[in-house]
Amino acid sequence: MNLDIISERNEKQSIHYFCILSNDHRYDLTIAYSGHFFGKAMVTSLQSGRMVLLCSEDIYNDYYWAPKLDIQQEDIPEFQDFFWQVLRSGLYLEQY
């Protein structure tokens, strides 16, 4: 094997699946809560296959996450509210 594994970690993650409809768009997201990414949740768009790491401080930096998750401009305010509720809901405890 020509690969060197420099880190390996096994953990049980809390993963939540969301199918969200706006007035004109559908979004399928997974949010995985892990202690591995310094308090950030892994948010993945099932449509685009792209992932971002988000915490509550990132919610209003939509220029960072909206393009990666293919969130349409008109839906960003609603997603900011959604992420605020989901990331602060107590489902995830920051460890770092």
PDB file of N, CA and C in Angstrom:
ATOM      1  N   MET A   1       0.838  -1.174   0.000  1.00  0.00           N
ATOM      2  CA  MET A   1       0.000   0.000   0.000  1.00  0.00           C
ATOM      3  C   MET A   1       0.885   1.240   0.000  1.00  0.00           C
ATOM      4  N   ASN A   2       0.621   2.167  -0.906  1.00  0.00           N
ATOM      5  CA  ASN A   2       1.403   3.389  -1.012  1.00  0.00           C
ATOM      6  C   ASN A   2       0.799   4.561  -0.259  1.00  0.00           C
ATOM      7  N   LEU A   3      -0.238   4.316   0.522  1.00  0.00           N
ATOM      8  CA  LEU A   3      -0.879   5.376   1.289  1.00  0.00           C
ATOM      9  C   LEU A   3      -0.468   5.278   2.748  1.00  0.00           C
ATOM     10  N   ASP A   4      -0.220   6.405   3.359  1.00  0.00           N
ATOM     11  CA  ASP A   4       0.049   6.443   4.789  1.00  0.00           C
ATOM     12  C   ASP A   4      -1.176   7.006   5.492  1.00  0.00           C
ATOM     13  N   ILE A   5      -1.795   6.235   6.350  1.00  0.00           N
ATOM     14  CA  ILE A   5      -2.935   6.712   7.128  1.00  0.00           C
ATOM     15  C   ILE A   5      -2.372   7.484   8.308  1.00  0.00           C
ATOM     16  N   ILE A   6      -2.631   8.782   8.341  1.00  0.00           N
ATOM     17  CA  ILE A   6      -2.080   9.615   9.415  1.00  0.00           C
ATOM     18  C   ILE A   6      -3.075   9.826  10.549  1.00  0.00           C
ATOM     19  N   SER A   7      -4.328   9.490  10.304  1.00  0.00           N
ATOM     20  CA  SER A   7      -5.332   9.626  11.351  1.00  0.00           C
ATOM     21  C   SER A   7      -6.501   8.710  11.030  1.00  0.00           C
ATOM     22  N   GLU A   8      -7.028   8.090  12.058  1.00  0.00           N
ATOM     23  CA  GLU A   8      -8.230   7.288  11.898  1.00  0.00           C
ATOM     24  C   GLU A   8      -9.018   7.398  13.185  1.00  0.00           C
ATOM     25  N   ARG A   9     -10.311   7.613  13.043  1.00  0.00           N
ATOM     26  CA  ARG A   9     -11.147   7.767  14.227  1.00  0.00           C
ATOM     27  C   ARG A   9     -12.525   7.186  13.932  1.00  0.00           C
ATOM     28  N   ASN A  10     -13.030   6.426  14.836  1.00  0.00           N
ATOM     29  CA  ASN A  10     -14.350   5.835  14.702  1.00  0.00           C
ATOM     30  C   ASN A  10     -15.238   6.429  15.779  1.00  0.00           C
ATOM     31  N   GLU A  11     -16.415   6.922  15.377  1.00  0.00           N
ATOM     32  CA  GLU A  11     -17.341   7.484  16.347  1.00  0.00           C
ATOM     33  C   GLU A  11     -18.769   7.252  15.881  1.00  0.00           C
ATOM     34  N   LYS A  12     -19.681   7.278  16.805  1.00  0.00           N
ATOM     35  CA  LYS A  12     -21.094   7.202  16.457  1.00  0.00           C
ATOM     36  C   LYS A  12     -21.581   8.620  16.263  1.00  0.00           C
ATOM     37  N   GLN A  13     -22.138   8.881  15.088  1.00  0.00           N
ATOM     38  CA  GLN A  13     -22.593  10.222  14.767  1.00  0.00           C
ATOM     39  C   GLN A  13     -24.105  10.293  14.772  1.00  0.00           C
ATOM     40  N   SER A  14     -24.592  11.461  15.128  1.00  0.00           N
ATOM     41  CA  SER A  14     -25.998  11.755  15.001  1.00  0.00           C
ATOM     42  C   SER A  14     -26.197  12.388  13.628  1.00  0.00           C
ATOM     43  N   ILE A  15     -26.977  11.735  12.780  1.00  0.00           N
ATOM     44  CA  ILE A  15     -27.203  12.228  11.420  1.00  0.00           C
ATOM     45  C   ILE A  15     -28.693  12.469  11.233  1.00  0.00           C
ATOM     46  N   HIS A  16     -29.008  13.647  10.725  1.00  0.00           N
ATOM     47  CA  HIS A  16     -30.397  14.026  10.494  1.00  0.00           C
ATOM     48  C   HIS A  16     -30.586  14.293   9.008  1.00  0.00           C
ATOM     49  N   TYR A  17     -31.697  13.805   8.463  1.00  0.00           N
ATOM     50  CA  TYR A  17     -32.024  13.985   7.054  1.00  0.00           C
ATOM     51  C   TYR A  17     -33.204  14.940   6.944  1.00  0.00           C
ATOM     52  N   PHE A  18     -33.095  15.899   6.039  1.00  0.00           N
ATOM     53  CA  PHE A  18     -34.145  16.889   5.847  1.00  0.00           C
ATOM     54  C   PHE A  18     -34.486  16.991   4.368  1.00  0.00           C
ATOM     55  N   CYS A  19     -35.768  16.952   4.061  1.00  0.00           N
ATOM     56  CA  CYS A  19     -36.268  17.291   2.730  1.00  0.00           C
ATOM     57  C   CYS A  19     -37.037  18.590   2.916  1.00  0.00           C
ATOM     58  N   ILE A  20     -36.569  19.652   2.284  1.00  0.00           N
ATOM     59  CA  ILE A  20     -37.116  20.985   2.508  1.00  0.00           C
ATOM     60  C   ILE A  20     -37.644  21.529   1.190  1.00  0.00           C
ATOM     61  N   LEU A  21     -38.863  22.057   1.251  1.00  0.00           N
ATOM     62  CA  LEU A  21     -39.470  22.682   0.085  1.00  0.00           C
ATOM     63  C   LEU A  21     -39.629  24.170   0.343  1.00  0.00           C
ATOM     64  N   SER A  22     -39.174  24.976  -0.601  1.00  0.00           N
ATOM     65  CA  SER A  22     -39.463  26.400  -0.568  1.00  0.00           C
ATOM     66  C   SER A  22     -40.569  26.643  -1.596  1.00  0.00           C
ATOM     67  N   ASN A  23     -40.839  27.875  -1.911  1.00  0.00           N
ATOM     68  CA  ASN A  23     -41.885  28.153  -2.897  1.00  0.00           C
ATOM     69  C   ASN A  23     -41.570  27.537  -4.257  1.00  0.00           C
ATOM     70  N   ASP A  24     -40.288  27.547  -4.651  1.00  0.00           N
ATOM     71  CA  ASP A  24     -39.925  27.092  -5.993  1.00  0.00           C
ATOM     72  C   ASP A  24     -38.850  26.021  -6.053  1.00  0.00           C
ATOM     73  N   HIS A  25     -38.319  25.587  -4.911  1.00  0.00           N
ATOM     74  CA  HIS A  25     -37.179  24.671  -4.933  1.00  0.00           C
ATOM     75  C   HIS A  25     -37.326  23.579  -3.885  1.00  0.00           C
ATOM     76  N   ARG A  26     -36.639  22.481  -4.139  1.00  0.00           N
ATOM     77  CA  ARG A  26     -36.547  21.376  -3.189  1.00  0.00           C
ATOM     78  C   ARG A  26     -35.082  21.215  -2.809  1.00  0.00           C
ATOM     79  N   TYR A  27     -34.851  20.975  -1.532  1.00  0.00           N
ATOM     80  CA  TYR A  27     -33.504  20.762  -1.021  1.00  0.00           C
ATOM     81  C   TYR A  27     -33.507  19.500  -0.166  1.00  0.00           C
ATOM     82  N   ASP A  28     -32.569  18.614  -0.408  1.00  0.00           N
ATOM     83  CA  ASP A  28     -32.383  17.419   0.412  1.00  0.00           C
ATOM     84  C   ASP A  28     -31.026  17.540   1.086  1.00  0.00           C
ATOM     85  N   LEU A  29     -31.044  17.618   2.405  1.00  0.00           N
ATOM     86  CA  LEU A  29     -29.821  17.833   3.170  1.00  0.00           C
ATOM     87  C   LEU A  29     -29.647  16.757   4.228  1.00  0.00           C
ATOM     88  N   THR A  30     -28.407  16.468   4.539  1.00  0.00           N
ATOM     89  CA  THR A  30     -28.084  15.702   5.740  1.00  0.00           C
ATOM     90  C   THR A  30     -27.233  16.594   6.619  1.00  0.00           C
ATOM     91  N   ILE A  31     -27.460  16.483   7.907  1.00  0.00           N
ATOM     92  CA  ILE A  31     -26.642  17.206   8.873  1.00  0.00           C
ATOM     93  C   ILE A  31     -26.091  16.174   9.840  1.00  0.00           C
ATOM     94  N   ALA A  32     -24.778  16.038   9.850  1.00  0.00           N
ATOM     95  CA  ALA A  32     -24.100  15.074  10.714  1.00  0.00           C
ATOM     96  C   ALA A  32     -23.359  15.833  11.803  1.00  0.00           C
ATOM     97  N   TYR A  33     -23.630  15.455  13.029  1.00  0.00           N
ATOM     98  CA  TYR A  33     -22.999  16.080  14.178  1.00  0.00           C
ATOM     99  C   TYR A  33     -21.838  15.203  14.622  1.00  0.00           C
ATOM    100  N   SER A  34     -20.671  15.802  14.706  1.00  0.00           N
ATOM    101  CA  SER A  34     -19.460  15.059  15.036  1.00  0.00           C
ATOM    102  C   SER A  34     -18.599  15.888  15.979  1.00  0.00           C
ATOM    103  N   GLY A  35     -17.848  15.245  16.796  1.00  0.00           N
ATOM    104  CA  GLY A  35     -16.893  15.940  17.634  1.00  0.00           C
ATOM    105  C   GLY A  35     -15.568  16.163  16.930  1.00  0.00           C
ATOM    106  N   HIS A  36     -15.466  15.681  15.705  1.00  0.00           N
ATOM    107  CA  HIS A  36     -14.196  15.693  14.989  1.00  0.00           C
ATOM    108  C   HIS A  36     -13.863  17.035  14.340  1.00  0.00           C
ATOM    109  N   PHE A  37     -14.854  17.872  14.090  1.00  0.00           N
ATOM    110  CA  PHE A  37     -14.617  19.100  13.336  1.00  0.00           C
ATOM    111  C   PHE A  37     -14.746  20.353  14.185  1.00  0.00           C
ATOM    112  N   PHE A  38     -14.289  20.291  15.418  1.00  0.00           N
ATOM    113  CA  PHE A  38     -14.188  21.453  16.295  1.00  0.00           C
ATOM    114  C   PHE A  38     -15.514  22.181  16.475  1.00  0.00           C
ATOM    115  N   GLY A  39     -16.591  21.441  16.693  1.00  0.00           N
ATOM    116  CA  GLY A  39     -17.879  22.049  16.977  1.00  0.00           C
ATOM    117  C   GLY A  39     -18.705  22.401  15.764  1.00  0.00           C
ATOM    118  N   LYS A  40     -18.289  21.982  14.599  1.00  0.00           N
ATOM    119  CA  LYS A  40     -19.053  22.281  13.389  1.00  0.00           C
ATOM    120  C   LYS A  40     -19.777  21.027  12.918  1.00  0.00           C
ATOM    121  N   ALA A  41     -20.986  21.233  12.393  1.00  0.00           N
ATOM    122  CA  ALA A  41     -21.761  20.135  11.833  1.00  0.00           C
ATOM    123  C   ALA A  41     -21.438  20.014  10.349  1.00  0.00           C
ATOM    124  N   MET A  42     -21.492  18.790   9.837  1.00  0.00           N
ATOM    125  CA  MET A  42     -21.276  18.555   8.404  1.00  0.00           C
ATOM    126  C   MET A  42     -22.631  18.599   7.710  1.00  0.00           C
ATOM    127  N   VAL A  43     -22.823  19.598   6.870  1.00  0.00           N
ATOM    128  CA  VAL A  43     -24.076  19.753   6.137  1.00  0.00           C
ATOM    129  C   VAL A  43     -23.804  19.383   4.685  1.00  0.00           C
ATOM    130  N   THR A  44     -24.538  18.411   4.179  1.00  0.00           N
ATOM    131  CA  THR A  44     -24.322  17.918   2.823  1.00  0.00           C
ATOM    132  C   THR A  44     -25.602  18.053   2.012  1.00  0.00           C
ATOM    133  N   SER A  45     -25.451  18.602   0.813  1.00  0.00           N
ATOM    134  CA  SER A  45     -26.557  18.648  -0.139  1.00  0.00           C
ATOM    135  C   SER A  45     -26.549  17.352  -0.922  1.00  0.00           C
ATOM    136  N   LEU A  46     -27.659  16.627  -0.892  1.00  0.00           N
ATOM    137  CA  LEU A  46     -27.730  15.382  -1.644  1.00  0.00           C
ATOM    138  C   LEU A  46     -27.843  15.641  -3.141  1.00  0.00           C
ATOM    139  N   GLN A  47     -28.347  16.821  -3.534  1.00  0.00           N
ATOM    140  CA  GLN A  47     -28.438  17.140  -4.955  1.00  0.00           C
ATOM    141  C   GLN A  47     -27.064  17.435  -5.556  1.00  0.00           C
ATOM    142  N   SER A  48     -26.278  18.258  -4.868  1.00  0.00           N
ATOM    143  CA  SER A  48     -24.978  18.648  -5.429  1.00  0.00           C
ATOM    144  C   SER A  48     -23.854  17.714  -4.998  1.00  0.00           C
ATOM    145  N   GLY A  49     -24.057  16.988  -3.881  1.00  0.00           N
ATOM    146  CA  GLY A  49     -23.005  16.128  -3.361  1.00  0.00           C
ATOM    147  C   GLY A  49     -21.911  16.901  -2.649  1.00  0.00           C
ATOM    148  N   ARG A  50     -22.133  18.182  -2.413  1.00  0.00           N
ATOM    149  CA  ARG A  50     -21.117  19.012  -1.753  1.00  0.00           C
ATOM    150  C   ARG A  50     -21.435  19.174  -0.283  1.00  0.00           C
ATOM    151  N   MET A  51     -20.385  19.358   0.509  1.00  0.00           N
ATOM    152  CA  MET A  51     -20.499  19.436   1.948  1.00  0.00           C
ATOM    153  C   MET A  51     -19.828  20.694   2.460  1.00  0.00           C
ATOM    154  N   VAL A  52     -20.399  21.265   3.522  1.00  0.00           N
ATOM    155  CA  VAL A  52     -19.777  22.379   4.227  1.00  0.00           C
ATOM    156  C   VAL A  52     -19.809  22.073   5.715  1.00  0.00           C
ATOM    157  N   LEU A  53     -18.873  22.641   6.427  1.00  0.00           N
ATOM    158  CA  LEU A  53     -18.874  22.563   7.881  1.00  0.00           C
ATOM    159  C   LEU A  53     -19.502  23.849   8.403  1.00  0.00           C
ATOM    160  N   LEU A  54     -20.525  23.719   9.249  1.00  0.00           N
ATOM    161  CA  LEU A  54     -21.253  24.880   9.750  1.00  0.00           C
ATOM    162  C   LEU A  54     -21.396  24.832  11.264  1.00  0.00           C
ATOM    163  N   CYS A  55     -21.301  26.005  11.868  1.00  0.00           N
ATOM    164  CA  CYS A  55     -21.689  26.186  13.258  1.00  0.00           C
ATOM    165  C   CYS A  55     -22.545  27.445  13.310  1.00  0.00           C
ATOM    166  N   SER A  56     -23.053  27.770  14.471  1.00  0.00           N
ATOM    167  CA  SER A  56     -23.971  28.900  14.570  1.00  0.00           C
ATOM    168  C   SER A  56     -23.319  30.212  14.148  1.00  0.00           C
ATOM    169  N   GLU A  57     -22.007  30.363  14.303  1.00  0.00           N
ATOM    170  CA  GLU A  57     -21.329  31.596  13.878  1.00  0.00           C
ATOM    171  C   GLU A  57     -21.270  31.736  12.362  1.00  0.00           C
ATOM    172  N   ASP A  58     -21.428  30.653  11.632  1.00  0.00           N
ATOM    173  CA  ASP A  58     -21.339  30.683  10.165  1.00  0.00           C
ATOM    174  C   ASP A  58     -22.660  30.990   9.476  1.00  0.00           C
ATOM    175  N   ILE A  59     -23.742  30.999  10.212  1.00  0.00           N
ATOM    176  CA  ILE A  59     -25.071  31.083   9.597  1.00  0.00           C
ATOM    177  C   ILE A  59     -25.237  32.321   8.732  1.00  0.00           C
ATOM    178  N   TYR A  60     -24.737  33.447   9.183  1.00  0.00           N
ATOM    179  CA  TYR A  60     -24.943  34.687   8.424  1.00  0.00           C
ATOM    180  C   TYR A  60     -23.826  34.962   7.422  1.00  0.00           C
ATOM    181  N   ASN A  61     -22.921  34.023   7.244  1.00  0.00           N
ATOM    182  CA  ASN A  61     -21.909  34.083   6.182  1.00  0.00           C
ATOM    183  C   ASN A  61     -22.388  33.238   5.008  1.00  0.00           C
ATOM    184  N   ASP A  62     -23.536  33.615   4.470  1.00  0.00           N
ATOM    185  CA  ASP A  62     -24.167  32.793   3.437  1.00  0.00           C
ATOM    186  C   ASP A  62     -23.341  32.710   2.161  1.00  0.00           C
ATOM    187  N   TYR A  63     -22.444  33.656   1.925  1.00  0.00           N
ATOM    188  CA  TYR A  63     -21.566  33.579   0.753  1.00  0.00           C
ATOM    189  C   TYR A  63     -20.665  32.344   0.833  1.00  0.00           C
ATOM    190  N   TYR A  64     -20.480  31.807   2.034  1.00  0.00           N
ATOM    191  CA  TYR A  64     -19.658  30.607   2.243  1.00  0.00           C
ATOM    192  C   TYR A  64     -20.451  29.331   1.950  1.00  0.00           C
ATOM    193  N   TRP A  65     -21.658  29.196   2.508  1.00  0.00           N
ATOM    194  CA  TRP A  65     -22.371  27.923   2.425  1.00  0.00           C
ATOM    195  C   TRP A  65     -23.434  27.859   1.336  1.00  0.00           C
ATOM    196  N   ALA A  66     -24.092  28.965   1.012  1.00  0.00           N
ATOM    197  CA  ALA A  66     -25.210  28.908   0.047  1.00  0.00           C
ATOM    198  C   ALA A  66     -24.781  28.392  -1.332  1.00  0.00           C
ATOM    199  N   PRO A  67     -23.686  28.887  -1.931  1.00  0.00           N
ATOM    200  CA  PRO A  67     -23.299  28.357  -3.243  1.00  0.00           C
ATOM    201  C   PRO A  67     -22.928  26.869  -3.201  1.00  0.00           C
ATOM    202  N   LYS A  68     -22.284  26.442  -2.129  1.00  0.00           N
ATOM    203  CA  LYS A  68     -21.862  25.045  -2.038  1.00  0.00           C
ATOM    204  C   LYS A  68     -23.047  24.102  -1.883  1.00  0.00           C
ATOM    205  N   LEU A  69     -24.094  24.575  -1.208  1.00  0.00           N
ATOM    206  CA  LEU A  69     -25.278  23.744  -0.997  1.00  0.00           C
ATOM    207  C   LEU A  69     -26.353  23.998  -2.048  1.00  0.00           C
ATOM    208  N   ASP A  70     -26.049  24.833  -3.029  1.00  0.00           N
ATOM    209  CA  ASP A  70     -26.988  25.194  -4.099  1.00  0.00           C
ATOM    210  C   ASP A  70     -28.281  25.794  -3.564  1.00  0.00           C
ATOM    211  N   ILE A  71     -28.167  26.625  -2.522  1.00  0.00           N
ATOM    212  CA  ILE A  71     -29.324  27.324  -1.972  1.00  0.00           C
ATOM    213  C   ILE A  71     -29.551  28.578  -2.806  1.00  0.00           C
ATOM    214  N   GLN A  72     -30.755  28.736  -3.331  1.00  0.00           N
ATOM    215  CA  GLN A  72     -31.084  29.883  -4.163  1.00  0.00           C
ATOM    216  C   GLN A  72     -31.154  31.156  -3.316  1.00  0.00           C
ATOM    217  N   GLN A  73     -30.798  32.263  -3.912  1.00  0.00           N
ATOM    218  CA  GLN A  73     -30.713  33.546  -3.218  1.00  0.00           C
ATOM    219  C   GLN A  73     -32.006  33.878  -2.458  1.00  0.00           C
ATOM    220  N   GLU A  74     -33.154  33.637  -3.074  1.00  0.00           N
ATOM    221  CA  GLU A  74     -34.423  33.990  -2.431  1.00  0.00           C
ATOM    222  C   GLU A  74     -34.742  33.112  -1.222  1.00  0.00           C
ATOM    223  N   ASP A  75     -34.055  31.977  -1.084  1.00  0.00           N
ATOM    224  CA  ASP A  75     -34.298  31.063   0.034  1.00  0.00           C
ATOM    225  C   ASP A  75     -33.307  31.230   1.183  1.00  0.00           C
ATOM    226  N   ILE A  76     -32.294  32.044   1.004  1.00  0.00           N
ATOM    227  CA  ILE A  76     -31.248  32.188   2.029  1.00  0.00           C
ATOM    228  C   ILE A  76     -31.797  32.646   3.372  1.00  0.00           C
ATOM    229  N   PRO A  77     -32.659  33.679   3.454  1.00  0.00           N
ATOM    230  CA  PRO A  77     -33.160  34.078   4.785  1.00  0.00           C
ATOM    231  C   PRO A  77     -33.882  32.946   5.517  1.00  0.00           C
ATOM    232  N   GLU A  78     -34.645  32.154   4.793  1.00  0.00           N
ATOM    233  CA  GLU A  78     -35.336  31.029   5.422  1.00  0.00           C
ATOM    234  C   GLU A  78     -34.347  29.974   5.904  1.00  0.00           C
ATOM    235  N   PHE A  79     -33.291  29.739   5.131  1.00  0.00           N
ATOM    236  CA  PHE A  79     -32.279  28.767   5.544  1.00  0.00           C
ATOM    237  C   PHE A  79     -31.463  29.277   6.727  1.00  0.00           C
ATOM    238  N   GLN A  80     -31.254  30.560   6.806  1.00  0.00           N
ATOM    239  CA  GLN A  80     -30.571  31.102   7.983  1.00  0.00           C
ATOM    240  C   GLN A  80     -31.392  30.806   9.241  1.00  0.00           C
ATOM    241  N   ASP A  81     -32.701  31.009   9.166  1.00  0.00           N
ATOM    242  CA  ASP A  81     -33.574  30.671  10.298  1.00  0.00           C
ATOM    243  C   ASP A  81     -33.554  29.174  10.581  1.00  0.00           C
ATOM    244  N   PHE A  82     -33.617  28.369   9.528  1.00  0.00           N
ATOM    245  CA  PHE A  82     -33.594  26.916   9.679  1.00  0.00           C
ATOM    246  C   PHE A  82     -32.297  26.461  10.352  1.00  0.00           C
ATOM    247  N   PHE A  83     -31.149  26.929   9.839  1.00  0.00           N
ATOM    248  CA  PHE A  83     -29.877  26.524  10.432  1.00  0.00           C
ATOM    249  C   PHE A  83     -29.755  27.017  11.871  1.00  0.00           C
ATOM    250  N   TRP A  84     -30.269  28.187  12.146  1.00  0.00           N
ATOM    251  CA  TRP A  84     -30.218  28.705  13.519  1.00  0.00           C
ATOM    252  C   TRP A  84     -30.964  27.758  14.458  1.00  0.00           C
ATOM    253  N   GLN A  85     -32.146  27.315  14.056  1.00  0.00           N
ATOM    254  CA  GLN A  85     -32.926  26.402  14.888  1.00  0.00           C
ATOM    255  C   GLN A  85     -32.258  25.040  15.015  1.00  0.00           C
ATOM    256  N   VAL A  86     -31.783  24.504  13.913  1.00  0.00           N
ATOM    257  CA  VAL A  86     -31.231  23.156  13.911  1.00  0.00           C
ATOM    258  C   VAL A  86     -29.874  23.100  14.621  1.00  0.00           C
ATOM    259  N   LEU A  87     -29.007  24.045  14.342  1.00  0.00           N
ATOM    260  CA  LEU A  87     -27.663  23.995  14.929  1.00  0.00           C
ATOM    261  C   LEU A  87     -27.667  24.384  16.405  1.00  0.00           C
ATOM    262  N   ARG A  88     -28.688  25.112  16.849  1.00  0.00           N
ATOM    263  CA  ARG A  88     -28.770  25.526  18.245  1.00  0.00           C
ATOM    264  C   ARG A  88     -29.804  24.727  19.032  1.00  0.00           C
ATOM    265  N   SER A  89     -30.321  23.641  18.453  1.00  0.00           N
ATOM    266  CA  SER A  89     -31.447  22.933  19.038  1.00  0.00           C
ATOM    267  C   SER A  89     -31.081  22.057  20.229  1.00  0.00           C
ATOM    268  N   GLY A  90     -29.817  21.916  20.508  1.00  0.00           N
ATOM    269  CA  GLY A  90     -29.435  21.017  21.583  1.00  0.00           C
ATOM    270  C   GLY A  90     -29.178  19.602  21.121  1.00  0.00           C
ATOM    271  N   LEU A  91     -29.341  19.348  19.821  1.00  0.00           N
ATOM    272  CA  LEU A  91     -29.025  18.018  19.298  1.00  0.00           C
ATOM    273  C   LEU A  91     -27.528  17.781  19.262  1.00  0.00           C
ATOM    274  N   TYR A  92     -26.792  18.850  19.348  1.00  0.00           N
ATOM    275  CA  TYR A  92     -25.351  18.762  19.237  1.00  0.00           C
ATOM    276  C   TYR A  92     -24.703  19.590  20.335  1.00  0.00           C
ATOM    277  N   LEU A  93     -23.753  19.035  21.025  1.00  0.00           N
ATOM    278  CA  LEU A  93     -23.036  19.751  22.067  1.00  0.00           C
ATOM    279  C   LEU A  93     -21.624  20.030  21.595  1.00  0.00           C
ATOM    280  N   GLU A  94     -21.247  21.296  21.586  1.00  0.00           N
ATOM    281  CA  GLU A  94     -19.893  21.636  21.154  1.00  0.00           C
ATOM    282  C   GLU A  94     -18.897  21.108  22.168  1.00  0.00           C
ATOM    283  N   GLN A  95     -17.843  20.503  21.680  1.00  0.00           N
ATOM    284  CA  GLN A  95     -16.863  19.863  22.545  1.00  0.00           C
ATOM    285  C   GLN A  95     -15.537  20.595  22.612  1.00  0.00           C
ATOM    286  N   TYR A  96     -15.346  21.601  21.773  1.00  0.00           N
ATOM    287  CA  TYR A  96     -14.052  22.288  21.717  1.00  0.00           C
ATOM    288  C   TYR A  96     -14.242  23.760  21.991  1.00  0.00           C
TER     289      TYR A  96
END
